[in-house]
Amino acid sequence: MDQSLSSDLLPAADEAITDAGSAAPAPRSFLDRLFDRGLLIRTGVDGLYGRSGAFESVVEALDRLVSRIGGADGAEALRFPPGMARSSFERSGYLKGFPHLAGTVHSFCGNEADHARLLACLDAGEDWTAKQAATDIVLTPAACYPLYPVAAARGRLPEGGLLFDLQSYCFRHEPSLEPTRMQLFRMREYVRMGTPEQVLAFRELWLERGTKMMSDLGLPLAIDPANDPFFGRAGKMLANNQRAQALKFELNVPVNSEDKPTACLSFNYHQDHFGTTWGIHQADGSVAHTACVGFGLERITLALLRHHGLDLDAWPADVRAQLFG
């Protein structure tokens, strides 16, 4: 299903001519309106925002809604912090495809003299990071990344495979003035491990469920084949292969613009990539396949605010009933 934005949500032209012939000021951007309303809070860094209680109430309601939809599946719930072991991150292969998005945690490792130089640099307004070194923690790029080494350490999967329920703050270094492109954001995921048939059936199930969930929330949407934002020239080949093999689909909703809708849900078949990387094996000893469905909780919240307005109390009754009961 693919619908257009209603006319009152479409951005106006940069300038409108008044009856007197003078140019009216350009309309406030969606991001500015979110700031004006206090739903998002400036921090001085693009893509890094505080959230109001009203904004958080929608995020939490969406998280509960996802739990209700998938709750009967018997997934094992795990919650990891927004950082993971650097050794696991390095082994995952993330840096091969997405070095431009990765975030590392650094800390001061100097002596007292180095500390004095650090303070002098601060006082002079100069770079103070010379004695910062990478720690053993890396910011989590996707909620599922800390899961795979944990699953591998348990040994072979049971006959029916495994299903996990995850949620975490994630980091991607892509500062932007688009409110949907946050650098720190929350991702809810279900991850399936098992045979190709099991994990593909899981993905098809969630394609249906995700489409219904978003449609019931009154959001215009389209399911489109997609690829991850791989880095460099080699990344273009990886992206083309991903699309050609139909490994990734996204549920897109117009938020920032109608021409470039925003991916709010993602449905991914990893084949045996993570099974091979981490040594995850099925009950018969063959390499496990994996798939996941991801929900961008802030992105869905922003889609609801874009299409139903910034006043939550004025949202359609059926949408409020879906979220808040």
C-alpha atoms as a PDB file:
ATOM      1  CA  MET A   1       0.000   0.000   0.000  1.00  0.00           C
ATOM      2  CA  ASP A   2       1.337   3.445  -0.914  1.00  0.00           C
ATOM      3  CA  GLN A   3      -0.566   6.587  -0.093  1.00  0.00           C
ATOM      4  CA  SER A   4       0.301  10.261  -0.445  1.00  0.00           C
ATOM      5  CA  LEU A   5       0.710  12.787   2.306  1.00  0.00           C
ATOM      6  CA  SER A   6      -2.419  14.822   2.914  1.00  0.00           C
ATOM      7  CA  SER A   7      -2.158  18.388   1.662  1.00  0.00           C
ATOM      8  CA  ASP A   8      -1.981  19.921   5.149  1.00  0.00           C
ATOM      9  CA  LEU A   9       1.150  17.868   5.889  1.00  0.00           C
ATOM     10  CA  LEU A  10       3.041  18.639   2.698  1.00  0.00           C
ATOM     11  CA  PRO A  11       5.705  21.311   3.102  1.00  0.00           C
ATOM     12  CA  ALA A  12       4.736  24.636   1.643  1.00  0.00           C
ATOM     13  CA  ALA A  13       6.811  26.495  -0.921  1.00  0.00           C
ATOM     14  CA  ASP A  14       9.822  28.379   0.396  1.00  0.00           C
ATOM     15  CA  GLU A  15       7.934  31.622   0.088  1.00  0.00           C
ATOM     16  CA  ALA A  16       4.258  32.494  -0.174  1.00  0.00           C
ATOM     17  CA  ILE A  17       3.023  35.789  -1.608  1.00  0.00           C
ATOM     18  CA  THR A  18       0.557  37.650   0.612  1.00  0.00           C
ATOM     19  CA  ASP A  19      -2.387  39.682  -0.649  1.00  0.00           C
ATOM     20  CA  ALA A  20      -0.277  42.790  -0.307  1.00  0.00           C
ATOM     21  CA  GLY A  21       2.356  41.264  -2.578  1.00  0.00           C
ATOM     22  CA  SER A  22       5.027  40.871   0.084  1.00  0.00           C
ATOM     23  CA  ALA A  23       6.906  37.648   0.694  1.00  0.00           C
ATOM     24  CA  ALA A  24       5.759  35.683   3.739  1.00  0.00           C
ATOM     25  CA  PRO A  25       8.436  33.978   5.838  1.00  0.00           C
ATOM     26  CA  ALA A  26       9.295  30.410   4.965  1.00  0.00           C
ATOM     27  CA  PRO A  27       7.374  27.862   7.062  1.00  0.00           C
ATOM     28  CA  ARG A  28       9.047  26.263  10.050  1.00  0.00           C
ATOM     29  CA  SER A  29      10.653  22.903   9.326  1.00  0.00           C
ATOM     30  CA  PHE A  30       9.278  19.769  10.948  1.00  0.00           C
ATOM     31  CA  LEU A  31      12.349  19.616  13.187  1.00  0.00           C
ATOM     32  CA  ASP A  32      11.895  23.251  14.268  1.00  0.00           C
ATOM     33  CA  ARG A  33       8.232  22.610  15.042  1.00  0.00           C
ATOM     34  CA  LEU A  34       9.224  19.639  17.211  1.00  0.00           C
ATOM     35  CA  PHE A  35      11.659  21.918  19.064  1.00  0.00           C
ATOM     36  CA  ASP A  36       9.058  24.685  19.351  1.00  0.00           C
ATOM     37  CA  ARG A  37       6.561  22.258  20.879  1.00  0.00           C
ATOM     38  CA  GLY A  38       9.170  20.850  23.269  1.00  0.00           C
ATOM     39  CA  LEU A  39       8.793  17.310  21.915  1.00  0.00           C
ATOM     40  CA  LEU A  40      12.488  17.229  21.046  1.00  0.00           C
ATOM     41  CA  ILE A  41      15.157  19.181  22.925  1.00  0.00           C
ATOM     42  CA  ARG A  42      18.271  20.724  21.375  1.00  0.00           C
ATOM     43  CA  THR A  43      21.675  19.606  22.639  1.00  0.00           C
ATOM     44  CA  GLY A  44      23.887  21.537  20.212  1.00  0.00           C
ATOM     45  CA  VAL A  45      24.699  18.424  18.129  1.00  0.00           C
ATOM     46  CA  ASP A  46      22.713  17.515  15.019  1.00  0.00           C
ATOM     47  CA  GLY A  47      20.987  14.180  15.493  1.00  0.00           C
ATOM     48  CA  LEU A  48      21.413  14.155  19.296  1.00  0.00           C
ATOM     49  CA  TYR A  49      18.214  15.239  21.008  1.00  0.00           C
ATOM     50  CA  GLY A  50      16.467  15.107  24.330  1.00  0.00           C
ATOM     51  CA  ARG A  51      12.898  13.810  24.352  1.00  0.00           C
ATOM     52  CA  SER A  52       9.902  15.142  26.251  1.00  0.00           C
ATOM     53  CA  GLY A  53       7.606  13.047  28.414  1.00  0.00           C
ATOM     54  CA  ALA A  54       4.960  13.176  25.679  1.00  0.00           C
ATOM     55  CA  PHE A  55       7.422  11.910  23.064  1.00  0.00           C
ATOM     56  CA  GLU A  56       8.552   9.128  25.393  1.00  0.00           C
ATOM     57  CA  SER A  57       4.966   8.097  26.081  1.00  0.00           C
ATOM     58  CA  VAL A  58       4.561   7.281  22.385  1.00  0.00           C
ATOM     59  CA  VAL A  59       7.876   5.400  22.224  1.00  0.00           C
ATOM     60  CA  GLU A  60       6.855   3.328  25.246  1.00  0.00           C
ATOM     61  CA  ALA A  61       3.388   2.689  23.819  1.00  0.00           C
ATOM     62  CA  LEU A  62       4.908   1.470  20.549  1.00  0.00           C
ATOM     63  CA  ASP A  63       7.236  -0.832  22.459  1.00  0.00           C
ATOM     64  CA  ARG A  64       4.237  -2.317  24.280  1.00  0.00           C
ATOM     65  CA  LEU A  65       2.331  -2.655  21.012  1.00  0.00           C
ATOM     66  CA  VAL A  66       5.180  -4.632  19.429  1.00  0.00           C
ATOM     67  CA  SER A  67       5.238  -6.861  22.512  1.00  0.00           C
ATOM     68  CA  ARG A  68       1.514  -7.541  22.204  1.00  0.00           C
ATOM     69  CA  ILE A  69       1.836  -8.474  18.550  1.00  0.00           C
ATOM     70  CA  GLY A  70       4.777 -10.824  19.058  1.00  0.00           C
ATOM     71  CA  GLY A  71       4.143 -11.866  22.626  1.00  0.00           C
ATOM     72  CA  ALA A  72       2.585 -15.248  21.898  1.00  0.00           C
ATOM     73  CA  ASP A  73       5.621 -16.415  19.886  1.00  0.00           C
ATOM     74  CA  GLY A  74       7.622 -17.323  22.980  1.00  0.00           C
ATOM     75  CA  ALA A  75      10.700 -15.215  22.228  1.00  0.00           C
ATOM     76  CA  GLU A  76      13.411 -15.015  24.864  1.00  0.00           C
ATOM     77  CA  ALA A  77      13.716 -11.380  25.961  1.00  0.00           C
ATOM     78  CA  LEU A  78      17.248 -10.016  26.366  1.00  0.00           C
ATOM     79  CA  ARG A  79      18.293  -6.422  26.984  1.00  0.00           C
ATOM     80  CA  PHE A  80      21.857  -5.253  26.369  1.00  0.00           C
ATOM     81  CA  PRO A  81      23.371  -1.833  27.154  1.00  0.00           C
ATOM     82  CA  PRO A  82      24.135   0.540  24.257  1.00  0.00           C
ATOM     83  CA  GLY A  83      27.761  -0.601  24.251  1.00  0.00           C
ATOM     84  CA  MET A  84      29.306  -3.930  23.292  1.00  0.00           C
ATOM     85  CA  ALA A  85      32.721  -5.571  23.598  1.00  0.00           C
ATOM     86  CA  ARG A  86      35.184  -4.155  21.085  1.00  0.00           C
ATOM     87  CA  SER A  87      36.494  -7.662  20.380  1.00  0.00           C
ATOM     88  CA  SER A  88      33.007  -8.832  19.405  1.00  0.00           C
ATOM     89  CA  PHE A  89      32.450  -5.719  17.318  1.00  0.00           C
ATOM     90  CA  GLU A  90      35.694  -6.303  15.417  1.00  0.00           C
ATOM     91  CA  ARG A  91      34.811  -9.928  14.748  1.00  0.00           C
ATOM     92  CA  SER A  92      31.310  -9.037  13.546  1.00  0.00           C
ATOM     93  CA  GLY A  93      32.597  -7.547  10.290  1.00  0.00           C
ATOM     94  CA  TYR A  94      30.787  -4.248  10.797  1.00  0.00           C
ATOM     95  CA  LEU A  95      33.904  -2.228   9.980  1.00  0.00           C
ATOM     96  CA  LYS A  96      34.170  -3.908   6.568  1.00  0.00           C
ATOM     97  CA  GLY A  97      30.857  -2.492   5.456  1.00  0.00           C
ATOM     98  CA  PHE A  98      30.131   0.518   7.654  1.00  0.00           C
ATOM     99  CA  PRO A  99      33.306   2.172   8.999  1.00  0.00           C
ATOM    100  CA  HIS A 100      31.668   5.581   8.502  1.00  0.00           C
ATOM    101  CA  LEU A 101      28.832   4.792  10.916  1.00  0.00           C
ATOM    102  CA  ALA A 102      30.791   3.211  13.775  1.00  0.00           C
ATOM    103  CA  GLY A 103      31.268   4.875  17.142  1.00  0.00           C
ATOM    104  CA  THR A 104      33.993   3.960  19.619  1.00  0.00           C
ATOM    105  CA  VAL A 105      34.368   4.836  23.300  1.00  0.00           C
ATOM    106  CA  HIS A 106      37.636   6.557  24.185  1.00  0.00           C
ATOM    107  CA  SER A 107      39.035   7.485  27.602  1.00  0.00           C
ATOM    108  CA  PHE A 108      41.969   9.425  29.052  1.00  0.00           C
ATOM    109  CA  CYS A 109      45.036   7.215  29.498  1.00  0.00           C
ATOM    110  CA  GLY A 110      47.810   9.687  30.315  1.00  0.00           C
ATOM    111  CA  ASN A 111      49.783  10.613  33.438  1.00  0.00           C
ATOM    112  CA  GLU A 112      49.634  13.722  35.612  1.00  0.00           C
ATOM    113  CA  ALA A 113      51.703  15.750  33.170  1.00  0.00           C
ATOM    114  CA  ASP A 114      49.365  14.726  30.354  1.00  0.00           C
ATOM    115  CA  HIS A 115      46.426  15.766  32.537  1.00  0.00           C
ATOM    116  CA  ALA A 116      47.974  19.184  33.040  1.00  0.00           C
ATOM    117  CA  ARG A 117      48.406  19.548  29.262  1.00  0.00           C
ATOM    118  CA  LEU A 118      44.784  18.469  28.776  1.00  0.00           C
ATOM    119  CA  LEU A 119      43.601  21.216  31.142  1.00  0.00           C
ATOM    120  CA  ALA A 120      45.836  23.763  29.425  1.00  0.00           C
ATOM    121  CA  CYS A 121      44.340  22.819  26.063  1.00  0.00           C
ATOM    122  CA  LEU A 122      40.847  23.219  27.494  1.00  0.00           C
ATOM    123  CA  ASP A 123      41.684  26.681  28.835  1.00  0.00           C
ATOM    124  CA  ALA A 124      43.145  27.676  25.459  1.00  0.00           C
ATOM    125  CA  GLY A 125      40.208  26.289  23.491  1.00  0.00           C
ATOM    126  CA  GLU A 126      42.481  23.788  21.738  1.00  0.00           C
ATOM    127  CA  ASP A 127      42.093  20.076  20.998  1.00  0.00           C
ATOM    128  CA  TRP A 128      42.392  18.171  24.289  1.00  0.00           C
ATOM    129  CA  THR A 129      41.983  14.600  22.952  1.00  0.00           C
ATOM    130  CA  ALA A 130      45.639  13.698  22.284  1.00  0.00           C
ATOM    131  CA  LYS A 131      45.844  11.254  25.202  1.00  0.00           C
ATOM    132  CA  GLN A 132      42.445   9.660  24.601  1.00  0.00           C
ATOM    133  CA  ALA A 133      42.654   5.978  23.644  1.00  0.00           C
ATOM    134  CA  ALA A 134      40.067   3.431  22.564  1.00  0.00           C
ATOM    135  CA  THR A 135      38.574   1.414  25.411  1.00  0.00           C
ATOM    136  CA  ASP A 136      37.245  -2.140  25.198  1.00  0.00           C
ATOM    137  CA  ILE A 137      33.721  -0.803  24.554  1.00  0.00           C
ATOM    138  CA  VAL A 138      32.181   0.166  21.215  1.00  0.00           C
ATOM    139  CA  LEU A 139      28.773   1.791  20.788  1.00  0.00           C
ATOM    140  CA  THR A 140      26.170  -0.741  19.675  1.00  0.00           C
ATOM    141  CA  PRO A 141      25.306  -0.232  15.972  1.00  0.00           C
ATOM    142  CA  ALA A 142      22.202  -2.466  15.964  1.00  0.00           C
ATOM    143  CA  ALA A 143      20.294  -4.136  18.779  1.00  0.00           C
ATOM    144  CA  CYS A 144      21.107  -7.640  17.512  1.00  0.00           C
ATOM    145  CA  TYR A 145      24.911  -7.315  17.387  1.00  0.00           C
ATOM    146  CA  PRO A 146      25.593  -8.215  21.049  1.00  0.00           C
ATOM    147  CA  LEU A 147      23.287 -11.239  20.718  1.00  0.00           C
ATOM    148  CA  TYR A 148      25.249 -13.408  18.288  1.00  0.00           C
ATOM    149  CA  PRO A 149      28.299 -14.190  20.450  1.00  0.00           C
ATOM    150  CA  VAL A 150      25.961 -14.921  23.369  1.00  0.00           C
ATOM    151  CA  ALA A 151      23.913 -17.353  21.272  1.00  0.00           C
ATOM    152  CA  ALA A 152      27.060 -19.005  19.903  1.00  0.00           C
ATOM    153  CA  ALA A 153      28.409 -19.601  23.414  1.00  0.00           C
ATOM    154  CA  ARG A 154      25.332 -21.688  24.260  1.00  0.00           C
ATOM    155  CA  GLY A 155      26.227 -24.366  21.726  1.00  0.00           C
ATOM    156  CA  ARG A 156      24.024 -25.868  19.033  1.00  0.00           C
ATOM    157  CA  LEU A 157      20.501 -24.573  18.543  1.00  0.00           C
ATOM    158  CA  PRO A 158      17.580 -26.782  19.556  1.00  0.00           C
ATOM    159  CA  GLU A 159      15.683 -28.574  16.790  1.00  0.00           C
ATOM    160  CA  GLY A 160      13.194 -25.737  16.343  1.00  0.00           C
ATOM    161  CA  GLY A 161      15.804 -22.996  16.383  1.00  0.00           C
ATOM    162  CA  LEU A 162      15.676 -19.935  18.636  1.00  0.00           C
ATOM    163  CA  LEU A 163      13.761 -16.661  18.770  1.00  0.00           C
ATOM    164  CA  PHE A 164      14.937 -13.563  20.653  1.00  0.00           C
ATOM    165  CA  ASP A 165      13.303 -10.274  21.650  1.00  0.00           C
ATOM    166  CA  LEU A 166      15.736  -7.327  21.868  1.00  0.00           C
ATOM    167  CA  GLN A 167      15.660  -3.582  22.488  1.00  0.00           C
ATOM    168  CA  SER A 168      18.553  -1.166  22.809  1.00  0.00           C
ATOM    169  CA  TYR A 169      19.784   2.325  22.155  1.00  0.00           C
ATOM    170  CA  CYS A 170      21.998   2.214  19.043  1.00  0.00           C
ATOM    171  CA  PHE A 171      24.551   4.629  17.583  1.00  0.00           C
ATOM    172  CA  ARG A 172      25.337   5.563  13.992  1.00  0.00           C
ATOM    173  CA  HIS A 173      27.557   8.489  13.108  1.00  0.00           C
ATOM    174  CA  GLU A 174      25.472  10.323  10.543  1.00  0.00           C
ATOM    175  CA  PRO A 175      24.683  13.824  11.876  1.00  0.00           C
ATOM    176  CA  SER A 176      21.735  15.333  10.036  1.00  0.00           C
ATOM    177  CA  LEU A 177      19.004  17.959  10.300  1.00  0.00           C
ATOM    178  CA  GLU A 178      16.440  15.311   9.408  1.00  0.00           C
ATOM    179  CA  PRO A 179      14.778  14.439  12.730  1.00  0.00           C
ATOM    180  CA  THR A 180      14.442  10.811  11.618  1.00  0.00           C
ATOM    181  CA  ARG A 181      18.219  10.444  11.272  1.00  0.00           C
ATOM    182  CA  MET A 182      19.268  10.489  14.912  1.00  0.00           C
ATOM    183  CA  GLN A 183      22.740   9.445  15.960  1.00  0.00           C
ATOM    184  CA  LEU A 184      21.432   7.740  19.117  1.00  0.00           C
ATOM    185  CA  PHE A 185      18.102   5.995  18.770  1.00  0.00           C
ATOM    186  CA  ARG A 186      16.200   2.948  19.998  1.00  0.00           C
ATOM    187  CA  MET A 187      15.738  -0.213  18.006  1.00  0.00           C
ATOM    188  CA  ARG A 188      13.343  -3.010  18.924  1.00  0.00           C
ATOM    189  CA  GLU A 189      14.082  -6.331  17.246  1.00  0.00           C
ATOM    190  CA  TYR A 190      12.995  -9.912  16.978  1.00  0.00           C
ATOM    191  CA  VAL A 191      15.767 -12.243  15.788  1.00  0.00           C
ATOM    192  CA  ARG A 192      15.156 -15.766  14.465  1.00  0.00           C
ATOM    193  CA  MET A 193      17.871 -18.428  14.230  1.00  0.00           C
ATOM    194  CA  GLY A 194      17.395 -21.785  12.539  1.00  0.00           C
ATOM    195  CA  THR A 195      17.019 -23.309   9.087  1.00  0.00           C
ATOM    196  CA  PRO A 196      16.557 -21.159   5.966  1.00  0.00           C
ATOM    197  CA  GLU A 197      12.915 -22.232   5.853  1.00  0.00           C
ATOM    198  CA  GLN A 198      12.324 -21.275   9.495  1.00  0.00           C
ATOM    199  CA  VAL A 199      13.891 -17.850   9.280  1.00  0.00           C
ATOM    200  CA  LEU A 200      12.278 -16.951   5.944  1.00  0.00           C
ATOM    201  CA  ALA A 201       8.869 -17.949   7.300  1.00  0.00           C
ATOM    202  CA  PHE A 202       9.571 -15.689  10.281  1.00  0.00           C
ATOM    203  CA  ARG A 203      10.382 -12.768   7.985  1.00  0.00           C
ATOM    204  CA  GLU A 204       7.229 -13.279   5.915  1.00  0.00           C
ATOM    205  CA  LEU A 205       5.139 -13.388   9.082  1.00  0.00           C
ATOM    206  CA  TRP A 206       6.552 -10.080  10.276  1.00  0.00           C
ATOM    207  CA  LEU A 207       6.146  -8.457   6.868  1.00  0.00           C
ATOM    208  CA  GLU A 208       2.427  -9.124   7.273  1.00  0.00           C
ATOM    209  CA  ARG A 209       2.327  -8.137  10.937  1.00  0.00           C
ATOM    210  CA  GLY A 210       4.355  -4.966  10.470  1.00  0.00           C
ATOM    211  CA  THR A 211       2.251  -3.807   7.543  1.00  0.00           C
ATOM    212  CA  LYS A 212      -0.957  -4.328   9.518  1.00  0.00           C
ATOM    213  CA  MET A 213       0.432  -2.613  12.620  1.00  0.00           C
ATOM    214  CA  MET A 214       1.431   0.519  10.731  1.00  0.00           C
ATOM    215  CA  SER A 215      -1.767   0.577   8.686  1.00  0.00           C
ATOM    216  CA  ASP A 216      -3.825   0.305  11.873  1.00  0.00           C
ATOM    217  CA  LEU A 217      -1.919   3.334  13.186  1.00  0.00           C
ATOM    218  CA  GLY A 218      -3.217   5.324  10.224  1.00  0.00           C
ATOM    219  CA  LEU A 219       0.126   5.746   8.483  1.00  0.00           C
ATOM    220  CA  PRO A 220       0.654   5.745   4.701  1.00  0.00           C
ATOM    221  CA  LEU A 221       3.253   3.157   3.819  1.00  0.00           C
ATOM    222  CA  ALA A 222       5.022   1.160   1.169  1.00  0.00           C
ATOM    223  CA  ILE A 223       7.093  -2.026   1.408  1.00  0.00           C
ATOM    224  CA  ASP A 224      10.196  -1.655  -0.747  1.00  0.00           C
ATOM    225  CA  PRO A 225      13.299  -3.746  -1.464  1.00  0.00           C
ATOM    226  CA  ALA A 226      16.308  -2.082   0.117  1.00  0.00           C
ATOM    227  CA  ASN A 227      19.994  -2.304   0.887  1.00  0.00           C
ATOM    228  CA  ASP A 228      22.215  -1.280   3.752  1.00  0.00           C
ATOM    229  CA  PRO A 229      24.395   1.860   3.372  1.00  0.00           C
ATOM    230  CA  PHE A 230      27.636   0.023   2.626  1.00  0.00           C
ATOM    231  CA  PHE A 231      30.791   2.122   2.387  1.00  0.00           C
ATOM    232  CA  GLY A 232      32.851   2.827  -0.731  1.00  0.00           C
ATOM    233  CA  ARG A 233      32.992   1.320  -4.201  1.00  0.00           C
ATOM    234  CA  ALA A 234      32.997  -2.255  -2.942  1.00  0.00           C
ATOM    235  CA  GLY A 235      29.899  -1.364  -0.953  1.00  0.00           C
ATOM    236  CA  LYS A 236      27.989  -0.641  -4.142  1.00  0.00           C
ATOM    237  CA  MET A 237      28.467  -4.244  -5.225  1.00  0.00           C
ATOM    238  CA  LEU A 238      27.312  -5.507  -1.823  1.00  0.00           C
ATOM    239  CA  ALA A 239      24.268  -3.267  -1.993  1.00  0.00           C
ATOM    240  CA  ASN A 240      23.385  -4.489  -5.484  1.00  0.00           C
ATOM    241  CA  ASN A 241      23.716  -8.122  -4.383  1.00  0.00           C
ATOM    242  CA  GLN A 242      21.538  -7.480  -1.344  1.00  0.00           C
ATOM    243  CA  ARG A 243      18.777  -6.087  -3.534  1.00  0.00           C
ATOM    244  CA  ALA A 244      19.156  -8.746  -6.217  1.00  0.00           C
ATOM    245  CA  GLN A 245      18.739 -11.521  -3.655  1.00  0.00           C
ATOM    246  CA  ALA A 246      15.814  -9.761  -1.918  1.00  0.00           C
ATOM    247  CA  LEU A 247      17.602  -9.993   1.429  1.00  0.00           C
ATOM    248  CA  LYS A 248      16.248  -6.730   2.834  1.00  0.00           C
ATOM    249  CA  PHE A 249      12.868  -5.015   2.763  1.00  0.00           C
ATOM    250  CA  GLU A 250      11.888  -1.763   4.431  1.00  0.00           C
ATOM    251  CA  LEU A 251       8.519  -0.373   5.421  1.00  0.00           C
ATOM    252  CA  ASN A 252       8.713   3.267   4.380  1.00  0.00           C
ATOM    253  CA  VAL A 253       6.552   6.171   5.552  1.00  0.00           C
ATOM    254  CA  PRO A 254       6.800   9.771   4.279  1.00  0.00           C
ATOM    255  CA  VAL A 255       8.063  11.838   7.200  1.00  0.00           C
ATOM    256  CA  ASN A 256      10.677  14.339   6.018  1.00  0.00           C
ATOM    257  CA  SER A 257       9.337  14.343   2.465  1.00  0.00           C
ATOM    258  CA  GLU A 258       7.105  12.383   0.154  1.00  0.00           C
ATOM    259  CA  ASP A 259       9.879  11.841  -2.389  1.00  0.00           C
ATOM    260  CA  LYS A 260      12.249  10.257   0.126  1.00  0.00           C
ATOM    261  CA  PRO A 261      10.178   8.323   2.666  1.00  0.00           C
ATOM    262  CA  THR A 262      11.688   7.077   5.901  1.00  0.00           C
ATOM    263  CA  ALA A 263      12.392   3.432   6.723  1.00  0.00           C
ATOM    264  CA  CYS A 264      10.490   2.754   9.946  1.00  0.00           C
ATOM    265  CA  LEU A 265      10.648  -1.062   9.933  1.00  0.00           C
ATOM    266  CA  SER A 266      13.260  -3.340   8.394  1.00  0.00           C
ATOM    267  CA  PHE A 267      12.952  -7.038   7.497  1.00  0.00           C
ATOM    268  CA  ASN A 268      16.298  -8.736   6.958  1.00  0.00           C
ATOM    269  CA  TYR A 269      17.500 -12.195   5.934  1.00  0.00           C
ATOM    270  CA  HIS A 270      21.189 -12.578   6.775  1.00  0.00           C
ATOM    271  CA  GLN A 271      21.527 -16.041   5.221  1.00  0.00           C
ATOM    272  CA  ASP A 272      24.392 -17.808   7.064  1.00  0.00           C
ATOM    273  CA  HIS A 273      26.501 -14.650   7.564  1.00  0.00           C
ATOM    274  CA  PHE A 274      26.206 -14.428  11.337  1.00  0.00           C
ATOM    275  CA  GLY A 275      26.069 -18.199  11.729  1.00  0.00           C
ATOM    276  CA  THR A 276      29.400 -18.515   9.948  1.00  0.00           C
ATOM    277  CA  THR A 277      30.953 -15.483  11.639  1.00  0.00           C
ATOM    278  CA  TRP A 278      30.107 -16.658  15.148  1.00  0.00           C
ATOM    279  CA  GLY A 279      29.979 -20.421  14.716  1.00  0.00           C
ATOM    280  CA  ILE A 280      26.255 -20.734  15.400  1.00  0.00           C
ATOM    281  CA  HIS A 281      25.122 -24.221  14.408  1.00  0.00           C
ATOM    282  CA  GLN A 282      21.811 -25.965  14.093  1.00  0.00           C
ATOM    283  CA  ALA A 283      20.982 -29.172  15.944  1.00  0.00           C
ATOM    284  CA  ASP A 284      22.325 -31.270  13.037  1.00  0.00           C
ATOM    285  CA  GLY A 285      25.639 -29.365  12.998  1.00  0.00           C
ATOM    286  CA  SER A 286      24.964 -27.289   9.882  1.00  0.00           C
ATOM    287  CA  VAL A 287      25.491 -23.544   9.991  1.00  0.00           C
ATOM    288  CA  ALA A 288      22.462 -21.637  11.246  1.00  0.00           C
ATOM    289  CA  HIS A 289      20.712 -18.969   9.206  1.00  0.00           C
ATOM    290  CA  THR A 290      19.318 -15.827  10.819  1.00  0.00           C
ATOM    291  CA  ALA A 291      16.735 -13.151  10.103  1.00  0.00           C
ATOM    292  CA  CYS A 292      15.455 -10.147  12.015  1.00  0.00           C
ATOM    293  CA  VAL A 293      12.717  -7.544  12.041  1.00  0.00           C
ATOM    294  CA  GLY A 294      13.671  -4.122  13.377  1.00  0.00           C
ATOM    295  CA  PHE A 295      11.413  -1.315  14.579  1.00  0.00           C
ATOM    296  CA  GLY A 296      12.807   2.221  14.684  1.00  0.00           C
ATOM    297  CA  LEU A 297      10.874   3.437  17.729  1.00  0.00           C
ATOM    298  CA  GLU A 298      11.763   7.121  17.346  1.00  0.00           C
ATOM    299  CA  ARG A 299      11.111   7.004  13.607  1.00  0.00           C
ATOM    300  CA  ILE A 300       7.636   5.531  14.057  1.00  0.00           C
ATOM    301  CA  THR A 301       6.933   8.128  16.740  1.00  0.00           C
ATOM    302  CA  LEU A 302       7.996  10.899  14.363  1.00  0.00           C
ATOM    303  CA  ALA A 303       5.821   9.414  11.597  1.00  0.00           C
ATOM    304  CA  LEU A 304       2.812   9.525  13.936  1.00  0.00           C
ATOM    305  CA  LEU A 305       3.558  13.133  14.880  1.00  0.00           C
ATOM    306  CA  ARG A 306       3.996  14.085  11.227  1.00  0.00           C
ATOM    307  CA  HIS A 307       0.720  12.564  10.092  1.00  0.00           C
ATOM    308  CA  HIS A 308      -1.533  12.991  13.125  1.00  0.00           C
ATOM    309  CA  GLY A 309      -0.193  16.264  14.493  1.00  0.00           C
ATOM    310  CA  LEU A 310       1.921  17.413  17.418  1.00  0.00           C
ATOM    311  CA  ASP A 311      -0.958  17.353  19.920  1.00  0.00           C
ATOM    312  CA  LEU A 312      -1.289  13.745  21.079  1.00  0.00           C
ATOM    313  CA  ASP A 313      -4.723  14.405  22.572  1.00  0.00           C
ATOM    314  CA  ALA A 314      -6.012  15.338  19.119  1.00  0.00           C
ATOM    315  CA  TRP A 315      -4.890  12.122  17.433  1.00  0.00           C
ATOM    316  CA  PRO A 316      -7.626   9.923  15.935  1.00  0.00           C
ATOM    317  CA  ALA A 317      -9.441   7.918  18.575  1.00  0.00           C
ATOM    318  CA  ASP A 318      -8.657   4.571  16.953  1.00  0.00           C
ATOM    319  CA  VAL A 319      -4.939   5.376  16.863  1.00  0.00           C
ATOM    320  CA  ARG A 320      -4.952   6.425  20.514  1.00  0.00           C
ATOM    321  CA  ALA A 321      -6.806   3.215  21.369  1.00  0.00           C
ATOM    322  CA  GLN A 322      -4.137   1.124  19.608  1.00  0.00           C
ATOM    323  CA  LEU A 323      -1.371   2.834  21.556  1.00  0.00           C
ATOM    324  CA  PHE A 324      -2.778   3.844  24.911  1.00  0.00           C
ATOM    325  CA  GLY A 325      -5.730   1.501  25.398  1.00  0.00           C
END
